[in-house]
PDB file of N, CA and C in Angstrom:
ATOM      1  N   MET A   1       8.286   3.345 -16.504  1.00  0.00           N
ATOM      2  CA  MET A   1       8.468   1.756 -15.899  1.00  0.00           C
ATOM      3  C   MET A   1       8.788   2.125 -14.343  1.00  0.00           C
ATOM      4  N   GLN A   2       8.566   1.632 -13.304  1.00  0.00           N
ATOM      5  CA  GLN A   2       8.793   1.817 -12.006  1.00  0.00           C
ATOM      6  C   GLN A   2      10.297   1.642 -11.661  1.00  0.00           C
ATOM      7  N   PRO A   3      10.731   2.543 -10.762  1.00  0.00           N
ATOM      8  CA  PRO A   3      12.252   2.178 -10.446  1.00  0.00           C
ATOM      9  C   PRO A   3      12.285   1.091  -9.269  1.00  0.00           C
ATOM     10  N   TYR A   4      11.071   0.368  -8.924  1.00  0.00           N
ATOM     11  CA  TYR A   4      11.282  -0.715  -7.858  1.00  0.00           C
ATOM     12  C   TYR A   4      10.269  -1.233  -8.282  1.00  0.00           C
ATOM     13  N   THR A   5      10.141  -2.862  -7.859  1.00  0.00           N
ATOM     14  CA  THR A   5       9.005  -3.653  -7.824  1.00  0.00           C
ATOM     15  C   THR A   5       7.959  -3.585  -7.056  1.00  0.00           C
ATOM     16  N   LEU A   6       6.512  -3.311  -7.414  1.00  0.00           N
ATOM     17  CA  LEU A   6       5.701  -3.316  -6.317  1.00  0.00           C
ATOM     18  C   LEU A   6       5.021  -4.546  -6.021  1.00  0.00           C
ATOM     19  N   TRP A   7       5.117  -5.784  -7.160  1.00  0.00           N
ATOM     20  CA  TRP A   7       4.309  -6.726  -6.840  1.00  0.00           C
ATOM     21  C   TRP A   7       5.236  -7.884  -7.159  1.00  0.00           C
ATOM     22  N   SER A   8       4.830  -9.044  -6.288  1.00  0.00           N
ATOM     23  CA  SER A   8       5.598 -10.452  -6.486  1.00  0.00           C
ATOM     24  C   SER A   8       4.931 -10.935  -7.796  1.00  0.00           C
ATOM     25  N   ALA A   9       5.705 -12.078  -8.446  1.00  0.00           N
ATOM     26  CA  ALA A   9       5.369 -12.485  -9.810  1.00  0.00           C
ATOM     27  C   ALA A   9       4.551 -13.841  -9.632  1.00  0.00           C
ATOM     28  N   ASP A  10       3.968 -14.189  -8.312  1.00  0.00           N
ATOM     29  CA  ASP A  10       3.567 -15.263  -8.126  1.00  0.00           C
ATOM     30  C   ASP A  10       2.042 -15.322  -8.903  1.00  0.00           C
ATOM     31  N   ALA A  11       1.172 -16.412  -8.742  1.00  0.00           N
ATOM     32  CA  ALA A  11      -0.059 -16.554  -9.383  1.00  0.00           C
ATOM     33  C   ALA A  11      -1.085 -15.441  -8.625  1.00  0.00           C
ATOM     34  N   SER A  12      -0.963 -15.497  -7.273  1.00  0.00           N
ATOM     35  CA  SER A  12      -1.534 -14.455  -6.488  1.00  0.00           C
ATOM     36  C   SER A  12      -0.603 -13.349  -6.350  1.00  0.00           C
ATOM     37  N   PRO A  13      -0.594 -12.498  -6.756  1.00  0.00           N
ATOM     38  CA  PRO A  13       0.567 -11.382  -6.540  1.00  0.00           C
ATOM     39  C   PRO A  13       0.277 -10.992  -5.168  1.00  0.00           C
ATOM     40  N   ALA A  14       1.491 -10.707  -4.615  1.00  0.00           N
ATOM     41  CA  ALA A  14       1.479  -9.680  -3.108  1.00  0.00           C
ATOM     42  C   ALA A  14       2.318  -8.632  -3.298  1.00  0.00           C
ATOM     43  N   LEU A  15       1.920  -7.302  -2.775  1.00  0.00           N
ATOM     44  CA  LEU A  15       2.605  -6.040  -2.421  1.00  0.00           C
ATOM     45  C   LEU A  15       3.804  -6.542  -1.808  1.00  0.00           C
ATOM     46  N   LEU A  16       4.997  -5.825  -2.152  1.00  0.00           N
ATOM     47  CA  LEU A  16       6.234  -6.174  -1.653  1.00  0.00           C
ATOM     48  C   LEU A  16       6.765  -5.100  -1.014  1.00  0.00           C
ATOM     49  N   ALA A  17       7.499  -5.436   0.241  1.00  0.00           N
ATOM     50  CA  ALA A  17       8.259  -4.346   0.888  1.00  0.00           C
ATOM     51  C   ALA A  17       9.538  -4.871   1.242  1.00  0.00           C
ATOM     52  N   SER A  18      10.406  -4.172   1.892  1.00  0.00           N
ATOM     53  CA  SER A  18      11.676  -4.365   2.244  1.00  0.00           C
ATOM     54  C   SER A  18      11.842  -4.534   3.831  1.00  0.00           C
ATOM     55  N   ARG A  19      12.503  -5.837   4.294  1.00  0.00           N
ATOM     56  CA  ARG A  19      13.003  -5.606   5.597  1.00  0.00           C
ATOM     57  C   ARG A  19      14.330  -5.753   6.013  1.00  0.00           C
ATOM     58  N   ASP A  20      14.709  -4.884   6.869  1.00  0.00           N
ATOM     59  CA  ASP A  20      16.075  -4.579   7.410  1.00  0.00           C
ATOM     60  C   ASP A  20      16.541  -6.077   7.991  1.00  0.00           C
ATOM     61  N   GLN A  21      17.648  -6.528   7.589  1.00  0.00           N
ATOM     62  CA  GLN A  21      18.135  -7.775   8.167  1.00  0.00           C
ATOM     63  C   GLN A  21      18.541  -7.636   9.534  1.00  0.00           C
ATOM     64  N   TYR A  22      18.886  -6.590  10.156  1.00  0.00           N
ATOM     65  CA  TYR A  22      19.446  -6.120  11.535  1.00  0.00           C
ATOM     66  C   TYR A  22      18.171  -5.932  12.367  1.00  0.00           C
ATOM     67  N   THR A  23      17.559  -4.991  12.051  1.00  0.00           N
ATOM     68  CA  THR A  23      16.315  -4.428  13.040  1.00  0.00           C
ATOM     69  C   THR A  23      14.833  -5.204  12.792  1.00  0.00           C
ATOM     70  N   GLY A  24      14.656  -5.725  11.654  1.00  0.00           N
ATOM     71  CA  GLY A  24      13.646  -6.575  11.210  1.00  0.00           C
ATOM     72  C   GLY A  24      12.581  -5.415  10.750  1.00  0.00           C
ATOM     73  N   GLU A  25      12.787  -4.054  10.704  1.00  0.00           N
ATOM     74  CA  GLU A  25      11.917  -2.979  10.316  1.00  0.00           C
ATOM     75  C   GLU A  25      11.499  -3.073   8.750  1.00  0.00           C
ATOM     76  N   GLN A  26      10.439  -3.146   8.446  1.00  0.00           N
ATOM     77  CA  GLN A  26       9.992  -3.090   7.268  1.00  0.00           C
ATOM     78  C   GLN A  26       9.481  -1.750   6.738  1.00  0.00           C
ATOM     79  N   VAL A  27      10.052  -1.503   5.214  1.00  0.00           N
ATOM     80  CA  VAL A  27       9.766  -0.130   4.622  1.00  0.00           C
ATOM     81  C   VAL A  27       8.881  -0.444   3.254  1.00  0.00           C
ATOM     82  N   PHE A  28       8.263   0.301   2.950  1.00  0.00           N
ATOM     83  CA  PHE A  28       7.440   0.156   1.465  1.00  0.00           C
ATOM     84  C   PHE A  28       7.601   1.604   0.793  1.00  0.00           C
ATOM     85  N   PRO A  29       8.146   1.531  -0.505  1.00  0.00           N
ATOM     86  CA  PRO A  29       8.223   0.317  -1.324  1.00  0.00           C
ATOM     87  C   PRO A  29       9.518  -0.302  -1.167  1.00  0.00           C
ATOM     88  N   VAL A  30       9.935  -1.347  -1.798  1.00  0.00           N
ATOM     89  CA  VAL A  30      11.001  -2.126  -1.809  1.00  0.00           C
ATOM     90  C   VAL A  30      12.291  -1.202  -1.929  1.00  0.00           C
ATOM     91  N   VAL A  31      13.329  -1.230  -1.092  1.00  0.00           N
ATOM     92  CA  VAL A  31      14.551  -0.510  -1.287  1.00  0.00           C
ATOM     93  C   VAL A  31      15.040  -0.885  -2.549  1.00  0.00           C
ATOM     94  N   PRO A  32      15.275   0.020  -3.625  1.00  0.00           N
ATOM     95  CA  PRO A  32      15.889  -0.173  -4.947  1.00  0.00           C
ATOM     96  C   PRO A  32      17.414  -0.883  -4.887  1.00  0.00           C
ATOM     97  N   ALA A  33      17.735  -1.600  -5.747  1.00  0.00           N
ATOM     98  CA  ALA A  33      18.808  -2.687  -5.872  1.00  0.00           C
ATOM     99  C   ALA A  33      20.001  -1.583  -5.789  1.00  0.00           C
ATOM    100  N   ASN A  34      20.129  -0.563  -6.315  1.00  0.00           N
ATOM    101  CA  ASN A  34      20.917   0.631  -6.508  1.00  0.00           C
ATOM    102  C   ASN A  34      21.154   1.365  -5.292  1.00  0.00           C
ATOM    103  N   SER A  35      20.531   1.015  -4.176  1.00  0.00           N
ATOM    104  CA  SER A  35      20.643   2.164  -2.927  1.00  0.00           C
ATOM    105  C   SER A  35      21.820   1.378  -2.051  1.00  0.00           C
ATOM    106  N   PRO A  36      22.493   2.457  -1.409  1.00  0.00           N
ATOM    107  CA  PRO A  36      23.449   1.838  -0.886  1.00  0.00           C
ATOM    108  C   PRO A  36      23.028   1.057   0.593  1.00  0.00           C
ATOM    109  N   LEU A  37      21.627   1.070   0.774  1.00  0.00           N
ATOM    110  CA  LEU A  37      21.134   0.126   1.737  1.00  0.00           C
ATOM    111  C   LEU A  37      20.581  -1.253   1.287  1.00  0.00           C
ATOM    112  N   ALA A  38      20.570  -1.270   0.047  1.00  0.00           N
ATOM    113  CA  ALA A  38      19.868  -2.619  -0.571  1.00  0.00           C
ATOM    114  C   ALA A  38      20.434  -3.823  -0.016  1.00  0.00           C
ATOM    115  N   SER A  39      21.832  -3.815   0.341  1.00  0.00           N
ATOM    116  CA  SER A  39      22.381  -4.992   0.659  1.00  0.00           C
ATOM    117  C   SER A  39      21.962  -5.439   2.192  1.00  0.00           C
ATOM    118  N   ARG A  40      21.328  -4.799   2.927  1.00  0.00           N
ATOM    119  CA  ARG A  40      20.727  -4.908   4.338  1.00  0.00           C
ATOM    120  C   ARG A  40      19.553  -5.314   4.177  1.00  0.00           C
ATOM    121  N   HIS A  41      18.876  -5.499   3.211  1.00  0.00           N
ATOM    122  CA  HIS A  41      17.406  -5.533   3.198  1.00  0.00           C
ATOM    123  C   HIS A  41      16.985  -6.692   2.125  1.00  0.00           C
ATOM    124  N   ASP A  42      15.959  -7.443   2.854  1.00  0.00           N
ATOM    125  CA  ASP A  42      15.471  -8.455   1.927  1.00  0.00           C
ATOM    126  C   ASP A  42      14.093  -8.073   1.355  1.00  0.00           C
ATOM    127  N   THR A  43      13.686  -8.547   0.512  1.00  0.00           N
ATOM    128  CA  THR A  43      12.445  -8.229  -0.173  1.00  0.00           C
ATOM    129  C   THR A  43      11.218  -9.322   0.360  1.00  0.00           C
ATOM    130  N   VAL A  44      10.252  -8.906   0.935  1.00  0.00           N
ATOM    131  CA  VAL A  44       9.262  -9.530   1.550  1.00  0.00           C
ATOM    132  C   VAL A  44       7.808  -9.106   1.208  1.00  0.00           C
ATOM    133  N   PRO A  45       6.848 -10.161   1.135  1.00  0.00           N
ATOM    134  CA  PRO A  45       5.523  -9.896   0.635  1.00  0.00           C
ATOM    135  C   PRO A  45       4.902  -9.128   2.007  1.00  0.00           C
ATOM    136  N   VAL A  46       3.885  -8.302   1.643  1.00  0.00           N
ATOM    137  CA  VAL A  46       3.067  -7.691   2.475  1.00  0.00           C
ATOM    138  C   VAL A  46       1.932  -8.851   2.550  1.00  0.00           C
ATOM    139  N   THR A  47       1.705  -9.132   3.801  1.00  0.00           N
ATOM    140  CA  THR A  47       0.703 -10.131   4.174  1.00  0.00           C
ATOM    141  C   THR A  47      -0.477  -9.889   4.849  1.00  0.00           C
ATOM    142  N   GLY A  48      -1.584 -10.622   4.567  1.00  0.00           N
ATOM    143  CA  GLY A  48      -2.642 -10.368   5.481  1.00  0.00           C
ATOM    144  C   GLY A  48      -3.843  -9.275   5.063  1.00  0.00           C
ATOM    145  N   VAL A  49      -4.586  -9.038   5.912  1.00  0.00           N
ATOM    146  CA  VAL A  49      -5.633  -7.747   5.576  1.00  0.00           C
ATOM    147  C   VAL A  49      -4.884  -6.724   6.578  1.00  0.00           C
ATOM    148  N   GLY A  50      -4.987  -5.427   5.869  1.00  0.00           N
ATOM    149  CA  GLY A  50      -4.643  -4.175   6.580  1.00  0.00           C
ATOM    150  C   GLY A  50      -5.853  -3.710   7.181  1.00  0.00           C
ATOM    151  N   THR A  51      -5.240  -2.610   8.448  1.00  0.00           N
ATOM    152  CA  THR A  51      -6.542  -1.638   9.042  1.00  0.00           C
ATOM    153  C   THR A  51      -6.014  -0.497   8.541  1.00  0.00           C
ATOM    154  N   VAL A  52      -7.283   0.311   8.517  1.00  0.00           N
ATOM    155  CA  VAL A  52      -6.833   1.696   8.274  1.00  0.00           C
ATOM    156  C   VAL A  52      -6.376   2.584   9.668  1.00  0.00           C
ATOM    157  N   TYR A  53      -5.190   3.184   9.357  1.00  0.00           N
ATOM    158  CA  TYR A  53      -4.791   4.010  10.392  1.00  0.00           C
ATOM    159  C   TYR A  53      -5.179   5.229  10.776  1.00  0.00           C
ATOM    160  N   SER A  54      -5.335   6.011   9.277  1.00  0.00           N
ATOM    161  CA  SER A  54      -5.657   7.343   9.145  1.00  0.00           C
ATOM    162  C   SER A  54      -6.138   7.696   7.804  1.00  0.00           C
ATOM    163  N   PHE A  55      -7.108   8.395   7.506  1.00  0.00           N
ATOM    164  CA  PHE A  55      -7.097   8.779   6.125  1.00  0.00           C
ATOM    165  C   PHE A  55      -8.022  10.331   6.086  1.00  0.00           C
ATOM    166  N   THR A  56      -7.953  10.553   4.708  1.00  0.00           N
ATOM    167  CA  THR A  56      -8.504  11.872   4.418  1.00  0.00           C
ATOM    168  C   THR A  56      -9.488  11.745   3.134  1.00  0.00           C
ATOM    169  N   VAL A  57     -10.364  12.572   3.004  1.00  0.00           N
ATOM    170  CA  VAL A  57     -11.291  12.370   1.618  1.00  0.00           C
ATOM    171  C   VAL A  57     -10.872  13.681   0.916  1.00  0.00           C
ATOM    172  N   ILE A  58     -10.461  13.412  -0.052  1.00  0.00           N
ATOM    173  CA  ILE A  58     -10.266  14.425  -1.056  1.00  0.00           C
ATOM    174  C   ILE A  58     -11.494  14.801  -2.223  1.00  0.00           C
ATOM    175  N   HIS A  59     -11.655  16.231  -2.082  1.00  0.00           N
ATOM    176  CA  HIS A  59     -12.717  16.827  -3.106  1.00  0.00           C
ATOM    177  C   HIS A  59     -12.311  17.653  -3.979  1.00  0.00           C
ATOM    178  N   PRO A  60     -12.038  17.083  -5.229  1.00  0.00           N
ATOM    179  CA  PRO A  60     -11.395  17.776  -6.330  1.00  0.00           C
ATOM    180  C   PRO A  60     -12.239  18.687  -6.805  1.00  0.00           C
ATOM    181  N   ALA A  61     -11.657  19.709  -7.507  1.00  0.00           N
ATOM    182  CA  ALA A  61     -12.528  21.207  -7.941  1.00  0.00           C
ATOM    183  C   ALA A  61     -13.563  20.470  -8.871  1.00  0.00           C
ATOM    184  N   PRO A  62     -14.603  21.180  -8.782  1.00  0.00           N
ATOM    185  CA  PRO A  62     -15.898  20.713  -9.540  1.00  0.00           C
ATOM    186  C   PRO A  62     -15.567  20.730 -11.086  1.00  0.00           C
ATOM    187  N   LYS A  63     -15.113  21.828 -11.563  1.00  0.00           N
ATOM    188  CA  LYS A  63     -14.604  21.652 -13.171  1.00  0.00           C
ATOM    189  C   LYS A  63     -13.843  20.380 -13.434  1.00  0.00           C
ATOM    190  N   THR A  64     -13.028  19.722 -12.486  1.00  0.00           N
ATOM    191  CA  THR A  64     -12.266  18.348 -12.846  1.00  0.00           C
ATOM    192  C   THR A  64     -13.270  17.280 -13.360  1.00  0.00           C
ATOM    193  N   GLY A  65     -14.592  17.314 -12.644  1.00  0.00           N
ATOM    194  CA  GLY A  65     -15.436  16.393 -12.978  1.00  0.00           C
ATOM    195  C   GLY A  65     -15.110  14.934 -12.189  1.00  0.00           C
ATOM    196  N   GLN A  66     -14.323  15.232 -11.281  1.00  0.00           N
ATOM    197  CA  GLN A  66     -13.827  13.925 -10.637  1.00  0.00           C
ATOM    198  C   GLN A  66     -14.623  14.064  -9.132  1.00  0.00           C
ATOM    199  N   PRO A  67     -15.224  12.657  -8.826  1.00  0.00           N
ATOM    200  CA  PRO A  67     -15.722  12.569  -7.590  1.00  0.00           C
ATOM    201  C   PRO A  67     -14.842  12.558  -6.432  1.00  0.00           C
ATOM    202  N   PRO A  68     -15.356  12.826  -5.092  1.00  0.00           N
ATOM    203  CA  PRO A  68     -14.542  12.747  -4.049  1.00  0.00           C
ATOM    204  C   PRO A  68     -13.737  11.416  -3.842  1.00  0.00           C
ATOM    205  N   TYR A  69     -12.660  11.075  -3.602  1.00  0.00           N
ATOM    206  CA  TYR A  69     -11.949   9.909  -3.005  1.00  0.00           C
ATOM    207  C   TYR A  69     -11.284   9.857  -1.931  1.00  0.00           C
ATOM    208  N   ALA A  70     -11.018   8.765  -1.399  1.00  0.00           N
ATOM    209  CA  ALA A  70     -10.251   8.605  -0.025  1.00  0.00           C
ATOM    210  C   ALA A  70      -8.954   8.154  -0.091  1.00  0.00           C
ATOM    211  N   LEU A  71      -8.109   8.903   0.742  1.00  0.00           N
ATOM    212  CA  LEU A  71      -6.501   8.435   0.643  1.00  0.00           C
ATOM    213  C   LEU A  71      -6.318   7.987   2.254  1.00  0.00           C
ATOM    214  N   GLY A  72      -5.320   7.187   2.356  1.00  0.00           N
ATOM    215  CA  GLY A  72      -5.035   7.093   3.665  1.00  0.00           C
ATOM    216  C   GLY A  72      -3.944   6.033   4.109  1.00  0.00           C
ATOM    217  N   TYR A  73      -3.595   5.858   5.192  1.00  0.00           N
ATOM    218  CA  TYR A  73      -2.460   5.014   5.597  1.00  0.00           C
ATOM    219  C   TYR A  73      -3.182   3.581   6.340  1.00  0.00           C
ATOM    220  N   VAL A  74      -2.545   2.437   5.502  1.00  0.00           N
ATOM    221  CA  VAL A  74      -2.906   1.014   6.093  1.00  0.00           C
ATOM    222  C   VAL A  74      -2.016   0.443   6.613  1.00  0.00           C
ATOM    223  N   ASP A  75      -2.256  -0.189   7.748  1.00  0.00           N
ATOM    224  CA  ASP A  75      -1.368  -1.055   8.500  1.00  0.00           C
ATOM    225  C   ASP A  75      -1.380  -2.466   8.440  1.00  0.00           C
ATOM    226  N   PHE A  76      -0.186  -2.994   8.115  1.00  0.00           N
ATOM    227  CA  PHE A  76      -0.203  -4.556   7.769  1.00  0.00           C
ATOM    228  C   PHE A  76       0.788  -5.107   8.683  1.00  0.00           C
ATOM    229  N   ALA A  77       0.819  -6.519   9.040  1.00  0.00           N
ATOM    230  CA  ALA A  77       1.676  -7.024   9.493  1.00  0.00           C
ATOM    231  C   ALA A  77       3.137  -6.921   9.323  1.00  0.00           C
ATOM    232  N   GLY A  78       4.081  -6.932  10.087  1.00  0.00           N
ATOM    233  CA  GLY A  78       5.448  -6.762   9.833  1.00  0.00           C
ATOM    234  C   GLY A  78       6.226  -5.955  10.792  1.00  0.00           C
ATOM    235  N   PRO A  79       5.556  -4.832  11.355  1.00  0.00           N
ATOM    236  CA  PRO A  79       4.568  -3.983  10.905  1.00  0.00           C
ATOM    237  C   PRO A  79       5.265  -3.194   9.670  1.00  0.00           C
ATOM    238  N   VAL A  80       4.312  -2.752   8.799  1.00  0.00           N
ATOM    239  CA  VAL A  80       4.364  -1.842   7.770  1.00  0.00           C
ATOM    240  C   VAL A  80       3.212  -1.220   7.576  1.00  0.00           C
ATOM    241  N   ARG A  81       3.315   0.433   7.204  1.00  0.00           N
ATOM    242  CA  ARG A  81       2.370   1.178   7.163  1.00  0.00           C
ATOM    243  C   ARG A  81       2.433   1.823   5.731  1.00  0.00           C
ATOM    244  N   ILE A  82       1.276   1.673   4.946  1.00  0.00           N
ATOM    245  CA  ILE A  82       1.428   1.913   3.546  1.00  0.00           C
ATOM    246  C   ILE A  82       0.318   3.088   3.045  1.00  0.00           C
ATOM    247  N   PHE A  83       0.724   4.114   2.440  1.00  0.00           N
ATOM    248  CA  PHE A  83      -0.189   5.302   2.077  1.00  0.00           C
ATOM    249  C   PHE A  83      -0.533   4.685   0.818  1.00  0.00           C
ATOM    250  N   GLY A  84      -2.059   4.927   0.491  1.00  0.00           N
ATOM    251  CA  GLY A  84      -2.591   4.837  -0.922  1.00  0.00           C
ATOM    252  C   GLY A  84      -4.090   5.153  -0.872  1.00  0.00           C
ATOM    253  N   ARG A  85      -4.652   4.875  -1.949  1.00  0.00           N
ATOM    254  CA  ARG A  85      -6.191   5.202  -2.336  1.00  0.00           C
ATOM    255  C   ARG A  85      -6.871   4.023  -1.789  1.00  0.00           C
ATOM    256  N   LEU A  86      -8.081   4.479  -1.079  1.00  0.00           N
ATOM    257  CA  LEU A  86      -8.943   3.542  -0.382  1.00  0.00           C
ATOM    258  C   LEU A  86     -10.427   3.454  -1.127  1.00  0.00           C
ATOM    259  N   LEU A  87     -10.588   2.184  -1.656  1.00  0.00           N
ATOM    260  CA  LEU A  87     -11.884   1.926  -2.440  1.00  0.00           C
ATOM    261  C   LEU A  87     -12.787   1.299  -1.969  1.00  0.00           C
ATOM    262  N   GLY A  88     -14.029   1.287  -2.235  1.00  0.00           N
ATOM    263  CA  GLY A  88     -14.978   0.254  -1.670  1.00  0.00           C
ATOM    264  C   GLY A  88     -15.709   0.864  -0.492  1.00  0.00           C
ATOM    265  N   ASN A  89     -15.514   1.901   0.013  1.00  0.00           N
ATOM    266  CA  ASN A  89     -16.395   2.491   0.917  1.00  0.00           C
ATOM    267  C   ASN A  89     -16.606   4.013   0.697  1.00  0.00           C
ATOM    268  N   ASP A  90     -17.786   4.421   0.740  1.00  0.00           N
ATOM    269  CA  ASP A  90     -17.865   5.954   0.365  1.00  0.00           C
ATOM    270  C   ASP A  90     -17.130   6.834   1.507  1.00  0.00           C
ATOM    271  N   ARG A  91     -17.002   6.291   2.518  1.00  0.00           N
ATOM    272  CA  ARG A  91     -16.550   7.119   3.849  1.00  0.00           C
ATOM    273  C   ARG A  91     -15.839   6.141   4.713  1.00  0.00           C
ATOM    274  N   PRO A  92     -14.630   5.771   4.537  1.00  0.00           N
ATOM    275  CA  PRO A  92     -13.773   4.808   5.335  1.00  0.00           C
ATOM    276  C   PRO A  92     -13.740   5.297   6.933  1.00  0.00           C
ATOM    277  N   THR A  93     -13.486   4.500   7.736  1.00  0.00           N
ATOM    278  CA  THR A  93     -13.540   4.718   9.222  1.00  0.00           C
ATOM    279  C   THR A  93     -12.160   3.969   9.689  1.00  0.00           C
ATOM    280  N   ILE A  94     -11.331   4.592  10.789  1.00  0.00           N
ATOM    281  CA  ILE A  94     -10.304   4.238  11.276  1.00  0.00           C
ATOM    282  C   ILE A  94     -10.741   2.774  11.926  1.00  0.00           C
ATOM    283  N   GLY A  95      -9.682   1.833  11.392  1.00  0.00           N
ATOM    284  CA  GLY A  95      -9.765   0.547  11.697  1.00  0.00           C
ATOM    285  C   GLY A  95     -10.461  -0.593  10.733  1.00  0.00           C
ATOM    286  N   ASP A  96     -11.327   0.063   9.578  1.00  0.00           N
ATOM    287  CA  ASP A  96     -11.707  -0.660   8.458  1.00  0.00           C
ATOM    288  C   ASP A  96     -10.595  -1.474   7.654  1.00  0.00           C
ATOM    289  N   ARG A  97     -11.028  -2.735   7.589  1.00  0.00           N
ATOM    290  CA  ARG A  97     -10.122  -3.665   6.852  1.00  0.00           C
ATOM    291  C   ARG A  97      -9.948  -3.686   5.223  1.00  0.00           C
ATOM    292  N   TYR A  98      -8.885  -3.582   4.641  1.00  0.00           N
ATOM    293  CA  TYR A  98      -8.548  -3.591   3.497  1.00  0.00           C
ATOM    294  C   TYR A  98      -7.394  -4.470   2.997  1.00  0.00           C
ATOM    295  N   LEU A  99      -7.564  -4.641   1.810  1.00  0.00           N
ATOM    296  CA  LEU A  99      -6.497  -5.619   0.831  1.00  0.00           C
ATOM    297  C   LEU A  99      -5.884  -4.798  -0.282  1.00  0.00           C
ATOM    298  N   PRO A 100      -4.684  -4.951  -0.284  1.00  0.00           N
ATOM    299  CA  PRO A 100      -4.058  -4.279  -1.478  1.00  0.00           C
ATOM    300  C   PRO A 100      -4.541  -5.172  -2.719  1.00  0.00           C
ATOM    301  N   GLN A 101      -4.551  -4.310  -3.716  1.00  0.00           N
ATOM    302  CA  GLN A 101      -4.980  -4.906  -4.979  1.00  0.00           C
ATOM    303  C   GLN A 101      -4.119  -4.107  -6.206  1.00  0.00           C
ATOM    304  N   PRO A 102      -3.446  -4.692  -7.276  1.00  0.00           N
ATOM    305  CA  PRO A 102      -2.915  -4.049  -8.503  1.00  0.00           C
ATOM    306  C   PRO A 102      -3.894  -2.746  -9.197  1.00  0.00           C
ATOM    307  N   ASP A 103      -3.232  -1.923  -9.649  1.00  0.00           N
ATOM    308  CA  ASP A 103      -4.060  -1.035 -10.255  1.00  0.00           C
ATOM    309  C   ASP A 103      -3.061  -0.401 -11.257  1.00  0.00           C
ATOM    310  N   GLU A 104      -3.660  -0.352 -12.739  1.00  0.00           N
ATOM    311  CA  GLU A 104      -2.968   0.219 -13.733  1.00  0.00           C
ATOM    312  C   GLU A 104      -2.558   1.466 -13.815  1.00  0.00           C
ATOM    313  N   THR A 105      -3.496   2.405 -12.975  1.00  0.00           N
ATOM    314  CA  THR A 105      -2.935   3.847 -12.919  1.00  0.00           C
ATOM    315  C   THR A 105      -1.919   4.225 -11.733  1.00  0.00           C
ATOM    316  N   PHE A 106      -2.266   3.635 -10.326  1.00  0.00           N
ATOM    317  CA  PHE A 106      -1.510   4.106  -9.325  1.00  0.00           C
ATOM    318  C   PHE A 106      -0.639   3.051  -9.093  1.00  0.00           C
ATOM    319  N   GLY A 107      -0.708   1.697  -9.573  1.00  0.00           N
ATOM    320  CA  GLY A 107       0.398   0.726  -9.229  1.00  0.00           C
ATOM    321  C   GLY A 107      -0.447  -0.247  -8.117  1.00  0.00           C
ATOM    322  N   TYR A 108      -1.022   0.245  -7.183  1.00  0.00           N
ATOM    323  CA  TYR A 108      -1.790  -0.373  -6.333  1.00  0.00           C
ATOM    324  C   TYR A 108      -2.764   0.612  -5.483  1.00  0.00           C
ATOM    325  N   VAL A 109      -3.728  -0.044  -5.037  1.00  0.00           N
ATOM    326  CA  VAL A 109      -4.871   0.667  -4.198  1.00  0.00           C
ATOM    327  C   VAL A 109      -5.153  -0.284  -3.153  1.00  0.00           C
ATOM    328  N   PHE A 110      -5.996  -0.112  -2.346  1.00  0.00           N
ATOM    329  CA  PHE A 110      -6.537  -0.778  -1.267  1.00  0.00           C
ATOM    330  C   PHE A 110      -8.091  -0.929  -1.386  1.00  0.00           C
ATOM    331  N   HIS A 111      -8.560  -2.154  -1.341  1.00  0.00           N
ATOM    332  CA  HIS A 111     -10.186  -2.329  -1.626  1.00  0.00           C
ATOM    333  C   HIS A 111     -10.459  -2.837  -0.115  1.00  0.00           C
ATOM    334  N   ALA A 112     -11.752  -2.295   0.079  1.00  0.00           N
ATOM    335  CA  ALA A 112     -12.398  -2.550   1.305  1.00  0.00           C
ATOM    336  C   ALA A 112     -13.029  -4.138   1.472  1.00  0.00           C
ATOM    337  N   LEU A 113     -12.797  -4.683   2.780  1.00  0.00           N
ATOM    338  CA  LEU A 113     -13.339  -5.760   2.969  1.00  0.00           C
ATOM    339  C   LEU A 113     -14.728  -5.582   3.865  1.00  0.00           C
ATOM    340  N   HIS A 114     -15.763  -6.271   3.287  1.00  0.00           N
ATOM    341  CA  HIS A 114     -17.098  -5.996   3.819  1.00  0.00           C
ATOM    342  C   HIS A 114     -17.626  -7.153   4.614  1.00  0.00           C
ATOM    343  N   ASP A 115     -17.656  -7.040   5.971  1.00  0.00           N
ATOM    344  CA  ASP A 115     -18.023  -8.192   6.824  1.00  0.00           C
ATOM    345  C   ASP A 115     -19.524  -8.674   6.475  1.00  0.00           C
TER     346      ASP A 115
END
């Protein structure tokens, strides 16, 4: 079980972040309810399409049998920057557009939007 909630319970789930009531700064993941900072944060959905800020391609050892995969930071309105696995492009580029998507293994991933 996750120590925090990643997704809203809506029919179309949204990735969740916390917004500081005083500064408006957003952080991901949600600040846990047992945190001393919880009382000054509201849970808010991460909305819109994100853009890749930075990324790297991981090349696992050949004996693992795993193909290369991309990890990156994706910027969303808020602003909030979230790190995760990038899917849907063999080689992402800075500025590519991605949407968050639930994932059973990682909790969330980002899936590329193709124009």
